[in-house]
Amino acid sequence: MSIERRGDSFRARVHDRTGKVLSSRTFPSLKEAKDWFAVEKATIRSAMDYQAWKRTVGAKLFPEPKPTFLRDILIRYRDEVADHQRGWVQTHNRLNRLIQD
């Protein structure tokens, strides 16, 4: 527990395993500092547990989406939308030039 006296008040700090300060706050009484410390530590621990879950189980349940490339979007637009417009030949030619580059 990292609570230190600072003049008339108490400063509570929550550290991670490496010693980095994750959260800090000053209180007028030791009881308030201890109460806040317990709640904050539990909150941070649950967030860390969620991050660990997300990396393991969550990665299997919710895989990262495949990246979408502009080329794929232009091809789909050309095949599904441009065919039904006036001047579709010019649009096809223009899109084909963009797709080739």
PDB file of N, CA and C in Angstrom:
ATOM      1  N   MET A   1       0.862  -1.177   0.000  1.00  0.00           N
ATOM      2  CA  MET A   1       0.000   0.000   0.000  1.00  0.00           C
ATOM      3  C   MET A   1       0.896   1.224   0.000  1.00  0.00           C
ATOM      4  N   SER A   2       0.580   2.175  -0.850  1.00  0.00           N
ATOM      5  CA  SER A   2       1.394   3.369  -0.973  1.00  0.00           C
ATOM      6  C   SER A   2       0.575   4.603  -0.596  1.00  0.00           C
ATOM      7  N   ILE A   3       0.542   4.863   0.705  1.00  0.00           N
ATOM      8  CA  ILE A   3      -0.121   6.062   1.200  1.00  0.00           C
ATOM      9  C   ILE A   3       0.894   6.791   2.067  1.00  0.00           C
ATOM     10  N   GLU A   4       1.122   8.045   1.761  1.00  0.00           N
ATOM     11  CA  GLU A   4       2.107   8.819   2.519  1.00  0.00           C
ATOM     12  C   GLU A   4       1.489  10.120   3.011  1.00  0.00           C
ATOM     13  N   ARG A   5       1.994  10.574   4.121  1.00  0.00           N
ATOM     14  CA  ARG A   5       1.509  11.819   4.713  1.00  0.00           C
ATOM     15  C   ARG A   5       2.200  13.002   4.034  1.00  0.00           C
ATOM     16  N   ARG A   6       1.416  14.019   3.673  1.00  0.00           N
ATOM     17  CA  ARG A   6       1.952  15.229   3.049  1.00  0.00           C
ATOM     18  C   ARG A   6       1.340  16.428   3.755  1.00  0.00           C
ATOM     19  N   GLY A   7       2.013  16.881   4.782  1.00  0.00           N
ATOM     20  CA  GLY A   7       1.491  18.001   5.569  1.00  0.00           C
ATOM     21  C   GLY A   7       0.253  17.569   6.329  1.00  0.00           C
ATOM     22  N   ASP A   8      -0.869  18.223   6.066  1.00  0.00           N
ATOM     23  CA  ASP A   8      -2.128  17.882   6.730  1.00  0.00           C
ATOM     24  C   ASP A   8      -2.953  16.866   5.943  1.00  0.00           C
ATOM     25  N   SER A   9      -2.450  16.386   4.837  1.00  0.00           N
ATOM     26  CA  SER A   9      -3.227  15.482   3.995  1.00  0.00           C
ATOM     27  C   SER A   9      -2.448  14.189   3.733  1.00  0.00           C
ATOM     28  N   PHE A  10      -3.106  13.262   3.039  1.00  0.00           N
ATOM     29  CA  PHE A  10      -2.520  11.968   2.710  1.00  0.00           C
ATOM     30  C   PHE A  10      -2.621  11.736   1.206  1.00  0.00           C
ATOM     31  N   ARG A  11      -1.504  11.289   0.629  1.00  0.00           N
ATOM     32  CA  ARG A  11      -1.494  11.007  -0.801  1.00  0.00           C
ATOM     33  C   ARG A  11      -1.468   9.491  -1.001  1.00  0.00           C
ATOM     34  N   ALA A  12      -2.428   8.999  -1.765  1.00  0.00           N
ATOM     35  CA  ALA A  12      -2.506   7.574  -2.087  1.00  0.00           C
ATOM     36  C   ALA A  12      -2.073   7.384  -3.528  1.00  0.00           C
ATOM     37  N   ARG A  13      -1.244   6.385  -3.748  1.00  0.00           N
ATOM     38  CA  ARG A  13      -0.759   6.076  -5.093  1.00  0.00           C
ATOM     39  C   ARG A  13      -0.943   4.589  -5.372  1.00  0.00           C
ATOM     40  N   VAL A  14      -1.386   4.280  -6.569  1.00  0.00           N
ATOM     41  CA  VAL A  14      -1.491   2.890  -7.014  1.00  0.00           C
ATOM     42  C   VAL A  14      -0.391   2.681  -8.044  1.00  0.00           C
ATOM     43  N   HIS A  15       0.457   1.678  -7.784  1.00  0.00           N
ATOM     44  CA  HIS A  15       1.588   1.362  -8.663  1.00  0.00           C
ATOM     45  C   HIS A  15       1.324   0.050  -9.392  1.00  0.00           C
ATOM     46  N   ASP A  16       1.973  -0.106 -10.556  1.00  0.00           N
ATOM     47  CA  ASP A  16       1.940  -1.407 -11.202  1.00  0.00           C
ATOM     48  C   ASP A  16       3.126  -2.228 -10.707  1.00  0.00           C
ATOM     49  N   ARG A  17       3.346  -3.386 -11.297  1.00  0.00           N
ATOM     50  CA  ARG A  17       4.417  -4.264 -10.811  1.00  0.00           C
ATOM     51  C   ARG A  17       5.812  -3.677 -11.015  1.00  0.00           C
ATOM     52  N   THR A  18       5.947  -2.800 -12.004  1.00  0.00           N
ATOM     53  CA  THR A  18       7.259  -2.215 -12.278  1.00  0.00           C
ATOM     54  C   THR A  18       7.528  -0.975 -11.439  1.00  0.00           C
ATOM     55  N   GLY A  19       6.532  -0.505 -10.699  1.00  0.00           N
ATOM     56  CA  GLY A  19       6.712   0.677  -9.865  1.00  0.00           C
ATOM     57  C   GLY A  19       6.163   1.947 -10.485  1.00  0.00           C
ATOM     58  N   LYS A  20       5.651   1.851 -11.688  1.00  0.00           N
ATOM     59  CA  LYS A  20       5.082   3.020 -12.366  1.00  0.00           C
ATOM     60  C   LYS A  20       3.768   3.412 -11.686  1.00  0.00           C
ATOM     61  N   VAL A  21       3.600   4.724 -11.434  1.00  0.00           N
ATOM     62  CA  VAL A  21       2.378   5.208 -10.791  1.00  0.00           C
ATOM     63  C   VAL A  21       1.248   5.219 -11.817  1.00  0.00           C
ATOM     64  N   LEU A  22       0.192   4.439 -11.535  1.00  0.00           N
ATOM     65  CA  LEU A  22      -0.947   4.373 -12.433  1.00  0.00           C
ATOM     66  C   LEU A  22      -2.000   5.403 -12.072  1.00  0.00           C
ATOM     67  N   SER A  23      -2.143   5.687 -10.779  1.00  0.00           N
ATOM     68  CA  SER A  23      -3.155   6.629 -10.329  1.00  0.00           C
ATOM     69  C   SER A  23      -2.720   7.205  -8.996  1.00  0.00           C
ATOM     70  N   SER A  24      -3.025   8.479  -8.778  1.00  0.00           N
ATOM     71  CA  SER A  24      -2.625   9.147  -7.549  1.00  0.00           C
ATOM     72  C   SER A  24      -3.666  10.184  -7.178  1.00  0.00           C
ATOM     73  N   ARG A  25      -3.890  10.338  -5.856  1.00  0.00           N
ATOM     74  CA  ARG A  25      -4.870  11.318  -5.392  1.00  0.00           C
ATOM     75  C   ARG A  25      -4.564  11.691  -3.952  1.00  0.00           C
ATOM     76  N   THR A  26      -4.921  12.909  -3.563  1.00  0.00           N
ATOM     77  CA  THR A  26      -4.665  13.402  -2.215  1.00  0.00           C
ATOM     78  C   THR A  26      -5.982  13.535  -1.451  1.00  0.00           C
ATOM     79  N   PHE A  27      -5.965  13.156  -0.157  1.00  0.00           N
ATOM     80  CA  PHE A  27      -7.159  13.166   0.676  1.00  0.00           C
ATOM     81  C   PHE A  27      -6.870  13.840   2.017  1.00  0.00           C
ATOM     82  N   PRO A  28      -7.913  14.395   2.659  1.00  0.00           N
ATOM     83  CA  PRO A  28      -7.711  15.035   3.961  1.00  0.00           C
ATOM     84  C   PRO A  28      -7.539  14.034   5.110  1.00  0.00           C
ATOM     85  N   SER A  29      -8.069  12.799   4.953  1.00  0.00           N
ATOM     86  CA  SER A  29      -7.953  11.835   6.051  1.00  0.00           C
ATOM     87  C   SER A  29      -7.374  10.517   5.550  1.00  0.00           C
ATOM     88  N   LEU A  30      -6.780   9.771   6.475  1.00  0.00           N
ATOM     89  CA  LEU A  30      -6.186   8.476   6.144  1.00  0.00           C
ATOM     90  C   LEU A  30      -7.256   7.476   5.735  1.00  0.00           C
ATOM     91  N   LYS A  31      -8.407   7.500   6.370  1.00  0.00           N
ATOM     92  CA  LYS A  31      -9.491   6.565   6.046  1.00  0.00           C
ATOM     93  C   LYS A  31      -9.960   6.753   4.604  1.00  0.00           C
ATOM     94  N   GLU A  32     -10.153   8.005   4.188  1.00  0.00           N
ATOM     95  CA  GLU A  32     -10.571   8.264   2.807  1.00  0.00           C
ATOM     96  C   GLU A  32      -9.522   7.763   1.823  1.00  0.00           C
ATOM     97  N   ALA A  33      -8.247   7.976   2.153  1.00  0.00           N
ATOM     98  CA  ALA A  33      -7.161   7.530   1.280  1.00  0.00           C
ATOM     99  C   ALA A  33      -7.160   6.007   1.160  1.00  0.00           C
ATOM    100  N   LYS A  34      -7.347   5.296   2.283  1.00  0.00           N
ATOM    101  CA  LYS A  34      -7.377   3.830   2.240  1.00  0.00           C
ATOM    102  C   LYS A  34      -8.572   3.316   1.446  1.00  0.00           C
ATOM    103  N   ASP A  35      -9.733   3.935   1.644  1.00  0.00           N
ATOM    104  CA  ASP A  35     -10.929   3.518   0.910  1.00  0.00           C
ATOM    105  C   ASP A  35     -10.745   3.701  -0.589  1.00  0.00           C
ATOM    106  N   TRP A  36     -10.240   4.882  -0.987  1.00  0.00           N
ATOM    107  CA  TRP A  36     -10.033   5.158  -2.406  1.00  0.00           C
ATOM    108  C   TRP A  36      -8.991   4.201  -2.991  1.00  0.00           C
ATOM    109  N   PHE A  37      -7.932   3.947  -2.221  1.00  0.00           N
ATOM    110  CA  PHE A  37      -6.868   3.061  -2.686  1.00  0.00           C
ATOM    111  C   PHE A  37      -7.418   1.673  -2.998  1.00  0.00           C
ATOM    112  N   ALA A  38      -8.266   1.131  -2.105  1.00  0.00           N
ATOM    113  CA  ALA A  38      -8.821  -0.204  -2.307  1.00  0.00           C
ATOM    114  C   ALA A  38      -9.697  -0.253  -3.563  1.00  0.00           C
ATOM    115  N   VAL A  39     -10.545   0.752  -3.734  1.00  0.00           N
ATOM    116  CA  VAL A  39     -11.436   0.786  -4.900  1.00  0.00           C
ATOM    117  C   VAL A  39     -10.635   0.953  -6.193  1.00  0.00           C
ATOM    118  N   GLU A  40      -9.677   1.854  -6.183  1.00  0.00           N
ATOM    119  CA  GLU A  40      -8.881   2.131  -7.383  1.00  0.00           C
ATOM    120  C   GLU A  40      -8.039   0.915  -7.776  1.00  0.00           C
ATOM    121  N   LYS A  41      -7.464   0.261  -6.784  1.00  0.00           N
ATOM    122  CA  LYS A  41      -6.649  -0.917  -7.067  1.00  0.00           C
ATOM    123  C   LYS A  41      -7.506  -2.034  -7.681  1.00  0.00           C
ATOM    124  N   ALA A  42      -8.710  -2.229  -7.154  1.00  0.00           N
ATOM    125  CA  ALA A  42      -9.615  -3.243  -7.705  1.00  0.00           C
ATOM    126  C   ALA A  42     -10.029  -2.888  -9.133  1.00  0.00           C
ATOM    127  N   THR A  43     -10.283  -1.611  -9.366  1.00  0.00           N
ATOM    128  CA  THR A  43     -10.677  -1.162 -10.705  1.00  0.00           C
ATOM    129  C   THR A  43      -9.558  -1.413 -11.711  1.00  0.00           C
ATOM    130  N   ILE A  44      -8.349  -1.058 -11.343  1.00  0.00           N
ATOM    131  CA  ILE A  44      -7.206  -1.239 -12.245  1.00  0.00           C
ATOM    132  C   ILE A  44      -6.941  -2.723 -12.459  1.00  0.00           C
ATOM    133  N   ARG A  45      -7.058  -3.514 -11.401  1.00  0.00           N
ATOM    134  CA  ARG A  45      -6.833  -4.955 -11.536  1.00  0.00           C
ATOM    135  C   ARG A  45      -7.861  -5.583 -12.480  1.00  0.00           C
ATOM    136  N   SER A  46      -9.129  -5.167 -12.364  1.00  0.00           N
ATOM    137  CA  SER A  46     -10.146  -5.733 -13.262  1.00  0.00           C
ATOM    138  C   SER A  46      -9.893  -5.298 -14.705  1.00  0.00           C
ATOM    139  N   ALA A  47      -9.405  -4.067 -14.898  1.00  0.00           N
ATOM    140  CA  ALA A  47      -9.070  -3.612 -16.257  1.00  0.00           C
ATOM    141  C   ALA A  47      -7.913  -4.432 -16.819  1.00  0.00           C
ATOM    142  N   MET A  48      -6.918  -4.732 -15.976  1.00  0.00           N
ATOM    143  CA  MET A  48      -5.788  -5.544 -16.441  1.00  0.00           C
ATOM    144  C   MET A  48      -6.239  -6.965 -16.743  1.00  0.00           C
ATOM    145  N   ASP A  49      -7.148  -7.497 -15.917  1.00  0.00           N
ATOM    146  CA  ASP A  49      -7.683  -8.827 -16.184  1.00  0.00           C
ATOM    147  C   ASP A  49      -8.433  -8.843 -17.509  1.00  0.00           C
ATOM    148  N   TYR A  50      -9.176  -7.776 -17.801  1.00  0.00           N
ATOM    149  CA  TYR A  50      -9.904  -7.697 -19.068  1.00  0.00           C
ATOM    150  C   TYR A  50      -8.928  -7.671 -20.238  1.00  0.00           C
ATOM    151  N   GLN A  51      -7.844  -6.905 -20.100  1.00  0.00           N
ATOM    152  CA  GLN A  51      -6.864  -6.836 -21.188  1.00  0.00           C
ATOM    153  C   GLN A  51      -6.234  -8.202 -21.426  1.00  0.00           C
ATOM    154  N   ALA A  52      -5.936  -8.940 -20.349  1.00  0.00           N
ATOM    155  CA  ALA A  52      -5.375 -10.278 -20.495  1.00  0.00           C
ATOM    156  C   ALA A  52      -6.398 -11.200 -21.164  1.00  0.00           C
ATOM    157  N   TRP A  53      -7.657 -11.101 -20.759  1.00  0.00           N
ATOM    158  CA  TRP A  53      -8.712 -11.912 -21.374  1.00  0.00           C
ATOM    159  C   TRP A  53      -8.841 -11.587 -22.852  1.00  0.00           C
ATOM    160  N   LYS A  54      -8.772 -10.288 -23.170  1.00  0.00           N
ATOM    161  CA  LYS A  54      -8.929  -9.850 -24.560  1.00  0.00           C
ATOM    162  C   LYS A  54      -7.811 -10.412 -25.437  1.00  0.00           C
ATOM    163  N   ARG A  55      -6.586 -10.492 -24.884  1.00  0.00           N
ATOM    164  CA  ARG A  55      -5.466 -11.019 -25.667  1.00  0.00           C
ATOM    165  C   ARG A  55      -5.575 -12.523 -25.892  1.00  0.00           C
ATOM    166  N   THR A  56      -6.206 -13.259 -24.975  1.00  0.00           N
ATOM    167  CA  THR A  56      -6.238 -14.717 -25.091  1.00  0.00           C
ATOM    168  C   THR A  56      -7.582 -15.195 -25.636  1.00  0.00           C
ATOM    169  N   VAL A  57      -8.584 -15.221 -24.790  1.00  0.00           N
ATOM    170  CA  VAL A  57      -9.896 -15.748 -25.174  1.00  0.00           C
ATOM    171  C   VAL A  57     -10.589 -14.822 -26.165  1.00  0.00           C
ATOM    172  N   GLY A  58     -10.544 -13.529 -25.912  1.00  0.00           N
ATOM    173  CA  GLY A  58     -11.214 -12.565 -26.772  1.00  0.00           C
ATOM    174  C   GLY A  58     -10.685 -12.575 -28.188  1.00  0.00           C
ATOM    175  N   ALA A  59      -9.392 -12.838 -28.347  1.00  0.00           N
ATOM    176  CA  ALA A  59      -8.807 -12.876 -29.692  1.00  0.00           C
ATOM    177  C   ALA A  59      -9.383 -14.024 -30.510  1.00  0.00           C
ATOM    178  N   LYS A  60      -9.736 -15.116 -29.818  1.00  0.00           N
ATOM    179  CA  LYS A  60     -10.329 -16.246 -30.533  1.00  0.00           C
ATOM    180  C   LYS A  60     -11.803 -15.986 -30.857  1.00  0.00           C
ATOM    181  N   LEU A  61     -12.503 -15.344 -29.927  1.00  0.00           N
ATOM    182  CA  LEU A  61     -13.928 -15.084 -30.140  1.00  0.00           C
ATOM    183  C   LEU A  61     -14.176 -13.946 -31.112  1.00  0.00           C
ATOM    184  N   PHE A  62     -13.344 -12.909 -31.052  1.00  0.00           N
ATOM    185  CA  PHE A  62     -13.524 -11.723 -31.878  1.00  0.00           C
ATOM    186  C   PHE A  62     -12.236 -11.429 -32.637  1.00  0.00           C
ATOM    187  N   PRO A  63     -11.974 -12.142 -33.733  1.00  0.00           N
ATOM    188  CA  PRO A  63     -10.728 -11.924 -34.476  1.00  0.00           C
ATOM    189  C   PRO A  63     -10.703 -10.532 -35.119  1.00  0.00           C
ATOM    190  N   GLU A  64      -9.508 -10.059 -35.361  1.00  0.00           N
ATOM    191  CA  GLU A  64      -9.336  -8.759 -36.007  1.00  0.00           C
ATOM    192  C   GLU A  64      -9.902  -8.816 -37.420  1.00  0.00           C
ATOM    193  N   PRO A  65     -10.620  -7.784 -37.841  1.00  0.00           N
ATOM    194  CA  PRO A  65     -11.151  -7.788 -39.206  1.00  0.00           C
ATOM    195  C   PRO A  65     -10.025  -7.635 -40.230  1.00  0.00           C
ATOM    196  N   LYS A  66     -10.264  -8.211 -41.418  1.00  0.00           N
ATOM    197  CA  LYS A  66      -9.282  -8.077 -42.482  1.00  0.00           C
ATOM    198  C   LYS A  66      -9.244  -6.632 -42.957  1.00  0.00           C
ATOM    199  N   PRO A  67      -8.074  -6.127 -43.311  1.00  0.00           N
ATOM    200  CA  PRO A  67      -8.015  -4.759 -43.827  1.00  0.00           C
ATOM    201  C   PRO A  67      -8.685  -4.656 -45.202  1.00  0.00           C
ATOM    202  N   THR A  68      -9.326  -3.532 -45.469  1.00  0.00           N
ATOM    203  CA  THR A  68      -9.975  -3.295 -46.744  1.00  0.00           C
ATOM    204  C   THR A  68      -9.109  -2.322 -47.535  1.00  0.00           C
ATOM    205  N   PHE A  69      -8.834  -2.676 -48.773  1.00  0.00           N
ATOM    206  CA  PHE A  69      -7.993  -1.845 -49.620  1.00  0.00           C
ATOM    207  C   PHE A  69      -8.853  -1.077 -50.620  1.00  0.00           C
ATOM    208  N   LEU A  70      -8.370   0.083 -51.028  1.00  0.00           N
ATOM    209  CA  LEU A  70      -9.087   0.914 -51.982  1.00  0.00           C
ATOM    210  C   LEU A  70      -9.325   0.166 -53.284  1.00  0.00           C
ATOM    211  N   ARG A  71      -8.369  -0.642 -53.696  1.00  0.00           N
ATOM    212  CA  ARG A  71      -8.515  -1.414 -54.933  1.00  0.00           C
ATOM    213  C   ARG A  71      -9.748  -2.310 -54.868  1.00  0.00           C
ATOM    214  N   ASP A  72      -9.935  -2.994 -53.733  1.00  0.00           N
ATOM    215  CA  ASP A  72     -11.091  -3.879 -53.569  1.00  0.00           C
ATOM    216  C   ASP A  72     -12.399  -3.092 -53.617  1.00  0.00           C
ATOM    217  N   ILE A  73     -12.407  -1.919 -53.009  1.00  0.00           N
ATOM    218  CA  ILE A  73     -13.610  -1.077 -53.007  1.00  0.00           C
ATOM    219  C   ILE A  73     -13.935  -0.609 -54.420  1.00  0.00           C
ATOM    220  N   LEU A  74     -12.908  -0.197 -55.178  1.00  0.00           N
ATOM    221  CA  LEU A  74     -13.137   0.265 -56.553  1.00  0.00           C
ATOM    222  C   LEU A  74     -13.652  -0.859 -57.446  1.00  0.00           C
ATOM    223  N   ILE A  75     -13.117  -2.054 -57.280  1.00  0.00           N
ATOM    224  CA  ILE A  75     -13.587  -3.186 -58.077  1.00  0.00           C
ATOM    225  C   ILE A  75     -15.049  -3.494 -57.757  1.00  0.00           C
ATOM    226  N   ARG A  76     -15.376  -3.506 -56.499  1.00  0.00           N
ATOM    227  CA  ARG A  76     -16.768  -3.794 -56.122  1.00  0.00           C
ATOM    228  C   ARG A  76     -17.715  -2.701 -56.639  1.00  0.00           C
ATOM    229  N   TYR A  77     -17.285  -1.441 -56.532  1.00  0.00           N
ATOM    230  CA  TYR A  77     -18.111  -0.334 -57.040  1.00  0.00           C
ATOM    231  C   TYR A  77     -18.314  -0.476 -58.546  1.00  0.00           C
ATOM    232  N   ARG A  78     -17.232  -0.796 -59.254  1.00  0.00           N
ATOM    233  CA  ARG A  78     -17.318  -0.943 -60.709  1.00  0.00           C
ATOM    234  C   ARG A  78     -18.293  -2.062 -61.095  1.00  0.00           C
ATOM    235  N   ASP A  79     -18.217  -3.170 -60.385  1.00  0.00           N
ATOM    236  CA  ASP A  79     -19.031  -4.333 -60.750  1.00  0.00           C
ATOM    237  C   ASP A  79     -20.481  -4.232 -60.290  1.00  0.00           C
ATOM    238  N   GLU A  80     -20.735  -3.563 -59.158  1.00  0.00           N
ATOM    239  CA  GLU A  80     -22.089  -3.556 -58.605  1.00  0.00           C
ATOM    240  C   GLU A  80     -22.866  -2.269 -58.864  1.00  0.00           C
ATOM    241  N   VAL A  81     -22.195  -1.136 -58.942  1.00  0.00           N
ATOM    242  CA  VAL A  81     -22.909   0.144 -59.024  1.00  0.00           C
ATOM    243  C   VAL A  81     -22.769   0.792 -60.391  1.00  0.00           C
ATOM    244  N   ALA A  82     -21.547   0.851 -60.909  1.00  0.00           N
ATOM    245  CA  ALA A  82     -21.291   1.602 -62.137  1.00  0.00           C
ATOM    246  C   ALA A  82     -22.024   1.021 -63.337  1.00  0.00           C
ATOM    247  N   ASP A  83     -22.318  -0.264 -63.324  1.00  0.00           N
ATOM    248  CA  ASP A  83     -23.019  -0.899 -64.445  1.00  0.00           C
ATOM    249  C   ASP A  83     -24.412  -0.331 -64.654  1.00  0.00           C
ATOM    250  N   HIS A  84     -25.011   0.218 -63.626  1.00  0.00           N
ATOM    251  CA  HIS A  84     -26.402   0.672 -63.700  1.00  0.00           C
ATOM    252  C   HIS A  84     -26.514   2.185 -63.878  1.00  0.00           C
ATOM    253  N   GLN A  85     -25.423   2.846 -64.190  1.00  0.00           N
ATOM    254  CA  GLN A  85     -25.457   4.298 -64.348  1.00  0.00           C
ATOM    255  C   GLN A  85     -25.307   4.663 -65.818  1.00  0.00           C
ATOM    256  N   ARG A  86     -25.786   5.887 -66.124  1.00  0.00           N
ATOM    257  CA  ARG A  86     -25.526   6.393 -67.472  1.00  0.00           C
ATOM    258  C   ARG A  86     -24.044   6.699 -67.570  1.00  0.00           C
ATOM    259  N   GLY A  87     -23.481   6.487 -68.716  1.00  0.00           N
ATOM    260  CA  GLY A  87     -22.052   6.733 -68.914  1.00  0.00           C
ATOM    261  C   GLY A  87     -21.194   5.678 -68.249  1.00  0.00           C
ATOM    262  N   TRP A  88     -21.722   4.470 -68.166  1.00  0.00           N
ATOM    263  CA  TRP A  88     -21.012   3.415 -67.455  1.00  0.00           C
ATOM    264  C   TRP A  88     -19.709   3.026 -68.146  1.00  0.00           C
ATOM    265  N   VAL A  89     -19.639   3.195 -69.455  1.00  0.00           N
ATOM    266  CA  VAL A  89     -18.411   2.832 -70.176  1.00  0.00           C
ATOM    267  C   VAL A  89     -17.265   3.732 -69.728  1.00  0.00           C
ATOM    268  N   GLN A  90     -17.520   5.057 -69.679  1.00  0.00           N
ATOM    269  CA  GLN A  90     -16.479   5.982 -69.237  1.00  0.00           C
ATOM    270  C   GLN A  90     -16.084   5.710 -67.772  1.00  0.00           C
ATOM    271  N   THR A  91     -17.094   5.399 -66.955  1.00  0.00           N
ATOM    272  CA  THR A  91     -16.812   5.107 -65.550  1.00  0.00           C
ATOM    273  C   THR A  91     -15.974   3.839 -65.426  1.00  0.00           C
ATOM    274  N   HIS A  92     -16.300   2.818 -66.202  1.00  0.00           N
ATOM    275  CA  HIS A  92     -15.522   1.583 -66.205  1.00  0.00           C
ATOM    276  C   HIS A  92     -14.077   1.869 -66.587  1.00  0.00           C
ATOM    277  N   ASN A  93     -13.895   2.640 -67.650  1.00  0.00           N
ATOM    278  CA  ASN A  93     -12.533   2.948 -68.110  1.00  0.00           C
ATOM    279  C   ASN A  93     -11.750   3.698 -67.033  1.00  0.00           C
ATOM    280  N   ARG A  94     -12.396   4.677 -66.430  1.00  0.00           N
ATOM    281  CA  ARG A  94     -11.739   5.472 -65.404  1.00  0.00           C
ATOM    282  C   ARG A  94     -11.373   4.611 -64.194  1.00  0.00           C
ATOM    283  N   LEU A  95     -12.305   3.780 -63.769  1.00  0.00           N
ATOM    284  CA  LEU A  95     -12.034   2.897 -62.617  1.00  0.00           C
ATOM    285  C   LEU A  95     -10.957   1.877 -62.940  1.00  0.00           C
ATOM    286  N   ASN A  96     -10.976   1.347 -64.153  1.00  0.00           N
ATOM    287  CA  ASN A  96      -9.944   0.382 -64.531  1.00  0.00           C
ATOM    288  C   ASN A  96      -8.554   1.000 -64.509  1.00  0.00           C
ATOM    289  N   ARG A  97      -8.456   2.264 -64.928  1.00  0.00           N
ATOM    290  CA  ARG A  97      -7.163   2.948 -64.874  1.00  0.00           C
ATOM    291  C   ARG A  97      -6.711   3.136 -63.428  1.00  0.00           C
ATOM    292  N   LEU A  98      -7.636   3.461 -62.530  1.00  0.00           N
ATOM    293  CA  LEU A  98      -7.293   3.631 -61.121  1.00  0.00           C
ATOM    294  C   LEU A  98      -6.889   2.298 -60.488  1.00  0.00           C
ATOM    295  N   ILE A  99      -7.564   1.240 -60.884  1.00  0.00           N
ATOM    296  CA  ILE A  99      -7.284  -0.077 -60.303  1.00  0.00           C
ATOM    297  C   ILE A  99      -5.911  -0.586 -60.735  1.00  0.00           C
ATOM    298  N   GLN A 100      -5.523  -0.297 -61.979  1.00  0.00           N
ATOM    299  CA  GLN A 100      -4.243  -0.781 -62.493  1.00  0.00           C
ATOM    300  C   GLN A 100      -3.052  -0.118 -61.797  1.00  0.00           C
ATOM    301  N   ASP A 101      -3.199   1.113 -61.405  1.00  0.00           N
ATOM    302  CA  ASP A 101      -2.059   1.847 -60.791  1.00  0.00           C
ATOM    303  C   ASP A 101      -1.733   1.387 -59.417  1.00  0.00           C
TER     304      ASP A 101
END
